[in-house]
């Protein structure tokens, strides 16, 4: 959320920003909010005037009373009795206007960073760099869903009976590989001096309103009946929500945390559950990282967090690329963002696996997260980045590491987390552990 003062002083820049994001249908919001802001300021001026008048009348009454002139104070006393009601009425109008202003301000997108490429949608995102060599497979390439079902490590039919579409049973070595990714990602972030946190799996609406629009909450959020609670869509939300309404001491910054959680999304709409597999599901596992920092440090942290993602996925030895998100592909709170996409040999294209975002002060302003330093208070900058969404990483590993006999090679860095097992689906194994998969 932008500062209303910024909108008031820079309306043309805000309009230009909306146009760059190809959201021309929102241009009217600037005129709407400025009109309300003018009314609010007038009402505030009137309320302040009434308060000043109340104080002046009180002083005059005291002067008359001290002089023993009760008759002189009579009219003033009557006037003083009427002022509180007038102040209350003015404050109610002021509060109503402030609420309308906030409602509109929540719909005005954050200012994009000057480095963001201009484009209409994700089709115009810009490739920054590609990593890894795409393997030439001289056999029929299978999808991760086909591999999983043939090896008996993914079961969609039974999960459909138990929970419906968009869920799965993950079994044996694939379930172990999922846990290996979680543990590896945790240890990786610990080497970067991030505090490991396991957050609540439910969150209040107040926190969700700071990151999603009402429409997005309705499309994605699983609400708990009879409670002001939703199942979380990512650990980023409760991690950031720890600081709602708090003022952080500047000497304690930056806050660096990484959190693992299960995540839950309804995924209603154009990106809904439309195919068999684990790429887009209602329930998944995710490791996240967040940073709360000084405004002048946020882009240094943006670059650092991107380096972490590149380093982690390079270690998995999977072909991937980094895409800079263009203006039309930035959600309202994002000032700058990029995605990591892994290669799918089955689809012969890249697909998104992680996303890095700098929201500058927009999210902190919604949540009231401030910094106190040198006698000053100001809004913090917040950033978030997916360390790993295991289901999407599994898709990339299964498809890129499949072998002609239908088995799947385990990335070397994950072998220690797999009790030494190097292949999933093999009849023989270097490990004496139990095997999950058809023989």
Protein backbone atom coordinates (compact mmCIF):
# COMPACT_ATOMS: atom_id res chain seq x y z
CA UNK A 1 0.00 0.00 0.00
CA UNK A 2 1.30 3.43 -0.95
CA UNK A 3 1.42 6.45 1.33
CA UNK A 4 -1.58 8.72 0.66
CA UNK A 5 0.79 11.68 0.91
CA UNK A 6 2.83 10.21 -1.97
CA UNK A 7 -0.31 9.81 -4.10
CA UNK A 8 -1.40 13.34 -3.21
CA UNK A 9 1.95 14.80 -4.25
CA UNK A 10 2.65 12.51 -7.24
CA UNK A 11 -0.70 11.63 -8.88
CA UNK A 12 0.71 11.58 -12.41
CA UNK A 13 3.54 9.21 -11.43
CA UNK A 14 1.02 6.85 -9.80
CA UNK A 15 -1.17 6.98 -12.92
CA UNK A 16 1.85 6.22 -15.12
CA UNK A 17 2.73 3.27 -12.86
CA UNK A 18 -0.80 1.86 -13.22
CA UNK A 19 -0.54 2.24 -17.00
CA UNK A 20 2.82 0.43 -17.03
CA UNK A 21 1.14 -2.44 -15.22
CA UNK A 22 -1.60 -2.48 -17.88
CA UNK A 23 -4.31 -1.86 -15.28
CA UNK A 24 -5.99 1.09 -16.96
CA UNK A 25 -9.31 0.09 -15.40
CA UNK A 26 -7.86 1.27 -12.07
CA UNK A 27 -6.88 4.76 -13.19
CA UNK A 28 -10.12 6.18 -11.78
CA UNK A 29 -8.98 5.15 -8.30
CA UNK A 30 -6.52 8.06 -8.21
CA UNK A 31 -9.24 10.69 -8.74
CA UNK A 32 -11.55 8.82 -6.37
CA UNK A 33 -9.03 8.68 -3.54
CA UNK A 34 -7.84 12.27 -4.01
CA UNK A 35 -11.43 13.52 -3.82
CA UNK A 36 -12.02 11.55 -0.62
CA UNK A 37 -8.67 12.70 0.76
CA UNK A 38 -9.64 16.33 0.23
CA UNK A 39 -12.94 15.76 2.04
CA UNK A 40 -11.10 13.95 4.85
CA UNK A 41 -8.62 16.81 5.30
CA UNK A 42 -11.44 19.34 5.39
CA UNK A 43 -13.30 17.27 7.96
CA UNK A 44 -10.14 16.86 10.03
CA UNK A 45 -9.57 20.63 9.85
CA UNK A 46 -13.15 21.19 11.00
CA UNK A 47 -12.74 18.70 13.88
CA UNK A 48 -9.46 20.30 14.91
CA UNK A 49 -11.22 23.67 14.81
CA UNK A 50 -13.98 22.41 17.08
CA UNK A 51 -11.41 21.06 19.54
CA UNK A 52 -9.62 24.41 19.54
CA UNK A 53 -12.94 26.17 20.03
CA UNK A 54 -13.77 23.84 22.96
CA UNK A 55 -10.48 24.70 24.63
CA UNK A 56 -10.96 28.44 24.06
CA UNK A 57 -14.53 28.40 25.40
CA UNK A 58 -13.37 26.44 28.47
CA UNK A 59 -10.71 29.05 29.15
CA UNK A 60 -13.25 31.87 28.79
CA UNK A 61 -15.68 30.09 31.14
CA UNK A 62 -12.89 29.69 33.70
CA UNK A 63 -12.08 33.41 33.43
CA UNK A 64 -15.70 34.40 34.06
CA UNK A 65 -16.08 31.92 36.92
CA UNK A 66 -12.88 33.09 38.62
CA UNK A 67 -14.21 36.66 38.41
CA UNK A 68 -17.48 35.49 39.98
CA UNK A 69 -19.41 36.43 36.85
CA UNK A 70 -21.69 33.38 36.44
CA UNK A 71 -24.12 35.28 34.20
CA UNK A 72 -21.30 36.09 31.78
CA UNK A 73 -20.41 32.40 31.58
CA UNK A 74 -23.99 31.23 31.09
CA UNK A 75 -24.09 31.39 27.28
CA UNK A 76 -20.59 29.97 27.00
CA UNK A 77 -21.51 27.00 29.19
CA UNK A 78 -24.42 26.21 26.88
CA UNK A 79 -22.13 26.53 23.87
CA UNK A 80 -19.58 24.24 25.51
CA UNK A 81 -22.24 21.57 26.02
CA UNK A 82 -23.00 21.49 22.28
CA UNK A 83 -19.38 21.22 21.08
CA UNK A 84 -18.68 17.54 22.08
CA UNK A 85 -21.61 16.31 20.00
CA UNK A 86 -20.36 18.31 17.03
CA UNK A 87 -16.85 16.91 17.50
CA UNK A 88 -18.19 13.35 17.71
CA UNK A 89 -20.20 13.79 14.51
CA UNK A 90 -17.18 15.24 12.71
CA UNK A 91 -14.94 12.41 13.94
CA UNK A 92 -17.44 9.83 12.70
CA UNK A 93 -17.45 11.41 9.24
CA UNK A 94 -13.65 11.60 9.35
CA UNK A 95 -13.36 7.91 10.31
CA UNK A 96 -15.80 6.83 7.58
CA UNK A 97 -13.82 8.77 4.98
CA UNK A 98 -10.54 7.29 6.26
CA UNK A 99 -11.96 3.77 5.88
CA UNK A 100 -13.04 4.47 2.29
CA UNK A 101 -9.61 5.92 1.54
CA UNK A 102 -7.89 2.82 2.95
CA UNK A 103 -10.15 0.55 0.91
CA UNK A 104 -9.14 2.34 -2.30
CA UNK A 105 -5.47 2.60 -1.34
CA UNK A 106 -5.40 -1.19 -0.92
CA UNK A 107 -6.36 -1.45 -4.61
CA UNK A 108 -3.72 0.94 -5.95
CA UNK A 109 -0.64 -1.09 -6.97
CA UNK A 110 2.78 -0.50 -5.49
CA UNK A 111 5.25 1.57 -7.48
CA UNK A 112 7.45 -0.70 -9.57
CA UNK A 113 11.22 -0.40 -9.37
CA UNK A 114 12.88 1.54 -12.19
CA UNK A 115 14.71 -1.61 -13.34
CA UNK A 116 11.51 -3.59 -14.01
CA UNK A 117 10.98 -4.29 -17.75
CA UNK A 118 7.69 -3.03 -19.16
CA UNK A 119 5.39 -5.72 -20.51
CA UNK A 120 1.74 -6.72 -20.62
CA UNK A 121 1.89 -10.15 -18.94
CA UNK A 122 4.12 -13.14 -18.12
CA UNK A 123 4.66 -13.83 -21.82
CA UNK A 124 6.88 -10.73 -21.86
CA UNK A 125 9.04 -11.63 -18.86
CA UNK A 126 12.77 -11.36 -19.59
CA UNK A 127 15.26 -14.20 -19.27
CA UNK A 128 18.25 -13.08 -17.18
CA UNK A 129 20.31 -16.25 -17.40
CA UNK A 130 19.96 -20.00 -17.98
CA UNK A 131 21.91 -22.58 -16.00
CA UNK A 132 22.72 -26.24 -16.62
CA UNK A 133 22.74 -28.33 -19.77
CA UNK A 134 19.48 -29.72 -21.09
CA UNK A 135 19.93 -33.46 -21.47
CA UNK A 136 19.30 -35.19 -24.77
CA UNK A 137 17.13 -38.20 -23.97
CA UNK A 138 17.22 -40.99 -26.53
CA UNK A 139 14.13 -42.71 -25.25
CA UNK A 140 10.46 -41.90 -24.76
CA UNK A 141 10.26 -39.19 -22.12
CA UNK A 142 7.58 -39.71 -19.50
CA UNK A 143 5.80 -37.17 -17.32
CA UNK A 144 6.39 -37.18 -13.57
CA UNK A 145 2.83 -38.48 -13.11
CA UNK A 146 3.46 -41.44 -15.44
CA UNK A 147 6.75 -42.24 -13.72
CA UNK A 148 5.18 -41.98 -10.28
CA UNK A 149 2.26 -44.25 -11.07
CA UNK A 150 4.40 -46.85 -12.88
CA UNK A 151 6.80 -47.03 -9.92
CA UNK A 152 3.95 -47.11 -7.41
CA UNK A 153 5.20 -43.99 -5.61
CA UNK A 154 2.32 -41.69 -6.61
CA UNK A 155 -1.35 -42.62 -6.21
CA UNK A 156 -3.92 -40.19 -7.58
CA UNK A 157 -6.84 -42.61 -7.87
CA UNK A 158 -6.99 -43.46 -4.17
CA UNK A 159 -6.40 -39.86 -3.09
CA UNK A 160 -9.29 -38.86 -5.34
CA UNK A 161 -11.52 -41.27 -3.43
CA UNK A 162 -10.22 -40.04 -0.07
CA UNK A 163 -9.93 -36.27 -0.59
CA UNK A 164 -10.96 -35.43 -4.16
CA UNK A 165 -9.10 -33.92 -7.09
CA UNK A 166 -5.93 -31.98 -6.41
CA UNK A 167 -4.48 -34.30 -3.76
CA UNK A 168 -2.17 -37.32 -3.90
CA UNK A 169 -0.66 -40.17 -1.92
CA UNK A 170 3.14 -39.96 -2.10
CA UNK A 171 4.79 -43.24 -1.14
CA UNK A 172 8.10 -44.96 -0.47
CA UNK A 173 11.24 -43.46 -1.93
CA UNK A 174 9.45 -40.48 -3.46
CA UNK A 175 8.08 -39.52 -0.05
CA UNK A 176 11.61 -39.92 1.32
CA UNK A 177 12.93 -37.72 -1.51
CA UNK A 178 10.32 -35.11 -0.59
CA UNK A 179 11.59 -35.11 3.00
CA UNK A 180 15.17 -35.05 1.73
CA UNK A 181 14.41 -31.82 -0.14
CA UNK A 182 12.82 -30.28 2.96
CA UNK A 183 15.78 -31.18 5.17
CA UNK A 184 18.35 -30.16 2.58
CA UNK A 185 16.65 -26.78 2.07
CA UNK A 186 16.54 -26.24 5.84
CA UNK A 187 20.24 -27.00 6.25
CA UNK A 188 21.09 -24.87 3.22
CA UNK A 189 19.40 -21.82 4.75
CA UNK A 190 21.05 -22.42 8.11
CA UNK A 191 24.42 -22.02 6.38
CA UNK A 192 23.19 -18.56 5.30
CA UNK A 193 22.55 -17.59 8.95
CA UNK A 194 18.77 -17.61 8.70
CA UNK A 195 16.72 -18.48 11.78
CA UNK A 196 14.69 -21.65 11.23
CA UNK A 197 11.02 -21.30 12.21
CA UNK A 198 8.02 -23.62 12.03
CA UNK A 199 4.97 -21.31 11.93
CA UNK A 200 1.27 -21.90 12.68
CA UNK A 201 -0.64 -23.52 9.82
CA UNK A 202 -3.59 -21.16 10.33
CA UNK A 203 -3.73 -17.39 10.03
CA UNK A 204 -6.20 -14.59 10.79
CA UNK A 205 -7.91 -12.53 8.08
CA UNK A 206 -6.10 -9.34 9.17
CA UNK A 207 -2.79 -10.82 8.03
CA UNK A 208 -4.22 -12.15 4.76
CA UNK A 209 -5.67 -8.75 3.92
CA UNK A 210 -2.12 -7.44 3.96
CA UNK A 211 -1.01 -9.72 1.13
CA UNK A 212 -4.11 -10.60 -0.91
CA UNK A 213 -7.16 -8.87 -2.28
CA UNK A 214 -10.60 -10.07 -1.21
CA UNK A 215 -11.02 -11.82 -4.56
CA UNK A 216 -7.68 -13.63 -4.15
CA UNK A 217 -8.56 -14.75 -0.63
CA UNK A 218 -11.87 -16.15 -1.86
CA UNK A 219 -10.14 -17.93 -4.76
CA UNK A 220 -7.30 -19.45 -2.75
CA UNK A 221 -8.07 -19.48 0.96
CA UNK A 222 -9.49 -22.41 2.89
CA UNK A 223 -11.54 -20.78 5.67
CA UNK A 224 -12.16 -22.53 8.97
CA UNK A 225 -15.92 -22.47 9.64
CA UNK A 226 -16.91 -20.38 12.63
CA UNK A 227 -13.38 -19.04 13.13
CA UNK A 228 -11.44 -15.98 12.00
CA UNK A 229 -8.85 -18.37 10.61
CA UNK A 230 -7.63 -19.64 7.25
CA UNK A 231 -5.22 -22.45 6.37
CA UNK A 232 -1.97 -20.82 5.26
CA UNK A 233 -1.04 -20.68 1.57
CA UNK A 234 2.66 -20.21 2.39
CA UNK A 235 4.78 -19.87 5.54
CA UNK A 236 5.77 -16.38 4.36
CA UNK A 237 2.44 -15.03 5.62
CA UNK A 238 2.68 -16.09 9.28
CA UNK A 239 6.41 -15.30 9.30
CA UNK A 240 5.70 -11.70 8.28
CA UNK A 241 2.57 -11.54 10.45
CA UNK A 242 4.76 -11.97 13.55
CA UNK A 243 5.54 -8.29 13.24
CA UNK A 244 2.03 -6.80 12.78
CA UNK A 245 1.85 -3.45 14.52
CA UNK A 246 5.39 -3.74 15.88
CA UNK A 247 8.24 -1.26 15.85
CA UNK A 248 11.60 -2.98 15.40
CA UNK A 249 14.83 -1.62 16.83
CA UNK A 250 17.16 -0.70 13.98
CA UNK A 251 20.07 -2.47 15.66
CA UNK A 252 18.16 -5.79 15.45
CA UNK A 253 17.89 -5.66 11.65
CA UNK A 254 17.87 -7.36 9.29
CA UNK A 255 15.39 -10.02 10.41
CA UNK A 256 16.26 -13.19 8.47
CA UNK A 257 14.01 -16.20 8.87
CA UNK A 258 13.34 -19.39 6.95
CA UNK A 259 10.22 -21.43 7.59
CA UNK A 260 8.94 -24.81 6.55
CA UNK A 261 5.24 -25.60 6.40
CA UNK A 262 2.57 -27.51 4.59
CA UNK A 263 0.58 -25.11 2.42
CA UNK A 264 -3.05 -25.14 1.31
CA UNK A 265 -4.68 -23.43 -1.68
CA UNK A 266 -8.05 -23.86 -3.34
CA UNK A 267 -6.55 -22.75 -6.68
CA UNK A 268 -9.86 -21.64 -8.16
CA UNK A 269 -9.84 -19.81 -11.49
CA UNK A 270 -7.66 -19.73 -14.58
CA UNK A 271 -4.77 -21.47 -12.82
CA UNK A 272 -6.90 -24.17 -11.22
CA UNK A 273 -6.31 -27.89 -10.85
CA UNK A 274 -6.56 -29.01 -14.45
CA UNK A 275 -4.23 -31.98 -14.93
CA UNK A 276 -2.98 -35.08 -13.15
CA UNK A 277 0.23 -34.55 -11.21
CA UNK A 278 1.81 -32.73 -8.29
CA UNK A 279 2.77 -29.46 -9.98
CA UNK A 280 -0.36 -27.58 -8.87
CA UNK A 281 -2.25 -29.12 -5.97
CA UNK A 282 -4.38 -28.12 -3.00
CA UNK A 283 -1.74 -29.28 -0.50
CA UNK A 284 2.04 -29.08 -0.79
CA UNK A 285 5.28 -28.60 1.15
CA UNK A 286 7.32 -25.44 0.99
CA UNK A 287 10.40 -23.86 2.54
CA UNK A 288 10.32 -20.05 2.49
CA UNK A 289 12.71 -17.23 3.40
CA UNK A 290 11.84 -13.69 4.50
CA UNK A 291 13.87 -10.57 5.23
CA UNK A 292 12.73 -7.45 7.10
CA UNK A 293 15.31 -4.71 6.69
CA UNK A 294 16.24 -1.05 6.38
CA UNK A 295 14.89 0.55 3.18
CA UNK A 296 18.39 1.29 1.87
CA UNK A 297 19.37 -2.38 2.21
CA UNK A 298 16.41 -4.07 0.52
CA UNK A 299 17.86 -4.38 -2.97
CA UNK A 300 21.15 -5.65 -1.60
CA UNK A 301 19.08 -8.39 0.07
CA UNK A 302 17.09 -8.94 -3.12
CA UNK A 303 20.32 -9.73 -4.98
CA UNK A 304 21.58 -11.89 -2.11
CA UNK A 305 18.38 -13.94 -1.92
CA UNK A 306 18.49 -14.52 -5.67
CA UNK A 307 22.04 -15.82 -5.30
CA UNK A 308 20.80 -18.31 -2.71
CA UNK A 309 18.16 -19.65 -5.12
CA UNK A 310 20.63 -20.00 -7.96
CA UNK A 311 23.13 -21.74 -5.72
CA UNK A 312 20.55 -24.20 -4.39
CA UNK A 313 19.16 -25.21 -7.78
CA UNK A 314 22.63 -25.47 -9.31
CA UNK A 315 23.44 -27.95 -6.55
CA UNK A 316 20.47 -30.09 -7.62
CA UNK A 317 21.99 -30.30 -11.12
CA UNK A 318 18.73 -29.49 -12.91
CA UNK A 319 18.54 -27.13 -15.93
CA UNK A 320 16.84 -23.88 -14.92
CA UNK A 321 16.67 -20.21 -15.76
CA UNK A 322 16.01 -16.90 -13.99
CA UNK A 323 13.23 -14.70 -15.38
CA UNK A 324 12.76 -11.03 -14.56
CA UNK A 325 9.03 -10.37 -14.15
CA UNK A 326 7.75 -7.56 -16.33
CA UNK A 327 5.45 -4.78 -15.09
CA UNK A 328 2.25 -6.52 -16.21
CA UNK A 329 3.16 -9.69 -14.31
CA UNK A 330 3.70 -8.00 -10.94
CA UNK A 331 1.04 -8.46 -8.27
CA UNK A 332 -0.13 -5.29 -6.54
CA UNK A 333 2.34 -5.35 -3.64
CA UNK A 334 5.42 -6.21 -5.72
CA UNK A 335 7.97 -3.54 -6.57
CA UNK A 336 10.32 -6.04 -8.23
CA UNK A 337 10.18 -9.80 -8.70
CA UNK A 338 11.81 -12.68 -10.53
CA UNK A 339 11.05 -16.38 -10.98
CA UNK A 340 13.20 -19.46 -11.27
CA UNK A 341 11.94 -21.93 -13.86
CA UNK A 342 13.13 -25.51 -14.29
CA UNK A 343 13.22 -27.39 -17.57
CA UNK A 344 10.58 -30.01 -18.32
CA UNK A 345 11.80 -32.51 -20.96
CA UNK A 346 8.26 -33.87 -21.18
CA UNK A 347 6.69 -30.52 -22.04
CA UNK A 348 9.82 -29.22 -23.75
CA UNK A 349 9.58 -25.92 -21.89
CA UNK A 350 10.45 -24.26 -18.59
CA UNK A 351 8.02 -24.09 -15.67
CA UNK A 352 8.01 -21.92 -12.54
CA UNK A 353 9.45 -23.39 -9.34
CA UNK A 354 10.29 -20.39 -7.12
CA UNK A 355 9.56 -16.67 -6.86
CA UNK A 356 11.52 -13.80 -5.27
CA UNK A 357 9.84 -10.50 -4.37
CA UNK A 358 10.79 -7.12 -2.93
CA UNK A 359 7.67 -5.32 -1.70
CA UNK A 360 9.65 -2.35 -0.39
CA UNK A 361 7.44 -0.64 2.24
CA UNK A 362 4.04 -1.60 0.76
CA UNK A 363 3.45 -4.70 2.88
CA UNK A 364 4.95 -3.13 6.01
CA UNK A 365 2.62 -0.16 5.62
CA UNK A 366 -0.40 -2.47 5.49
CA UNK A 367 0.78 -4.39 8.54
CA UNK A 368 2.14 -1.44 10.50
CA UNK A 369 5.73 -2.77 10.68
CA UNK A 370 8.06 0.10 11.54
CA UNK A 371 11.71 0.68 12.42
CA UNK A 372 12.91 2.96 15.20
CA UNK A 373 16.39 4.35 14.76
CA UNK A 374 18.05 7.58 15.81
CA UNK A 375 14.81 8.94 17.24
CA UNK A 376 12.96 8.37 13.95
CA UNK A 377 10.20 5.91 13.03
CA UNK A 378 9.62 4.73 9.49
CA UNK A 379 8.26 1.72 7.62
CA UNK A 380 10.50 -1.31 7.06
CA UNK A 381 11.07 -3.04 3.73
CA UNK A 382 10.02 -6.68 3.40
CA UNK A 383 11.18 -9.39 0.99
CA UNK A 384 10.26 -13.03 0.49
CA UNK A 385 11.64 -15.85 -1.60
CA UNK A 386 10.75 -19.49 -2.08
CA UNK A 387 13.64 -21.66 -0.92
CA UNK A 388 11.94 -24.69 -2.42
CA UNK A 389 8.41 -25.89 -3.16
CA UNK A 390 9.09 -29.59 -2.95
CA UNK A 391 6.34 -30.81 -5.26
CA UNK A 392 7.59 -28.62 -8.12
CA UNK A 393 11.21 -29.54 -7.43
CA UNK A 394 10.18 -33.21 -7.49
CA UNK A 395 8.58 -32.73 -10.91
CA UNK A 396 11.87 -31.31 -12.19
CA UNK A 397 13.98 -34.07 -10.60
CA UNK A 398 11.74 -36.91 -11.77
CA UNK A 399 11.50 -35.72 -15.36
CA UNK A 400 15.13 -34.61 -15.82
CA UNK A 401 16.66 -37.56 -13.94
CA UNK A 402 14.51 -40.33 -15.44
CA UNK A 403 16.37 -43.19 -17.08
CA UNK A 404 15.52 -45.48 -19.96
CA UNK A 405 14.43 -48.28 -17.60
CA UNK A 406 11.95 -45.97 -15.86
CA UNK A 407 14.04 -45.41 -12.73
CA UNK A 408 14.97 -42.00 -11.36
CA UNK A 409 18.44 -40.88 -10.29
CA UNK A 410 18.68 -39.07 -6.96
CA UNK A 411 20.65 -35.78 -7.07
CA UNK A 412 24.03 -36.27 -5.39
CA UNK A 413 23.44 -33.60 -2.72
CA UNK A 414 20.30 -35.45 -1.60
CA UNK A 415 21.85 -38.93 -1.36
CA UNK A 416 22.98 -38.41 2.28
CA UNK A 417 19.37 -37.48 3.13
CA UNK A 418 18.17 -40.69 1.40
CA UNK A 419 20.25 -43.04 3.58
CA UNK A 420 22.67 -43.45 0.69
CA UNK A 421 20.07 -44.44 -1.91
CA UNK A 422 21.07 -43.21 -5.38
CA UNK A 423 18.22 -44.50 -7.55
CA UNK A 424 14.45 -44.62 -7.09
CA UNK A 425 12.72 -47.66 -8.55
CA UNK A 426 15.82 -49.81 -8.91
CA UNK A 427 15.62 -53.54 -8.11
CA UNK A 428 18.98 -53.27 -6.36
CA UNK A 429 20.13 -50.45 -4.15
CA UNK A 430 23.30 -49.27 -2.50
CA UNK A 431 21.25 -48.79 0.62
CA UNK A 432 19.86 -51.47 2.89
CA UNK A 433 16.80 -49.33 3.52
CA UNK A 434 13.35 -50.45 2.46
CA UNK A 435 12.40 -49.65 -1.12
CA UNK A 436 9.31 -47.74 -2.15
CA UNK A 437 8.25 -48.58 -5.66
CA UNK A 438 7.34 -51.44 -7.91
CA UNK A 439 10.00 -54.03 -8.55
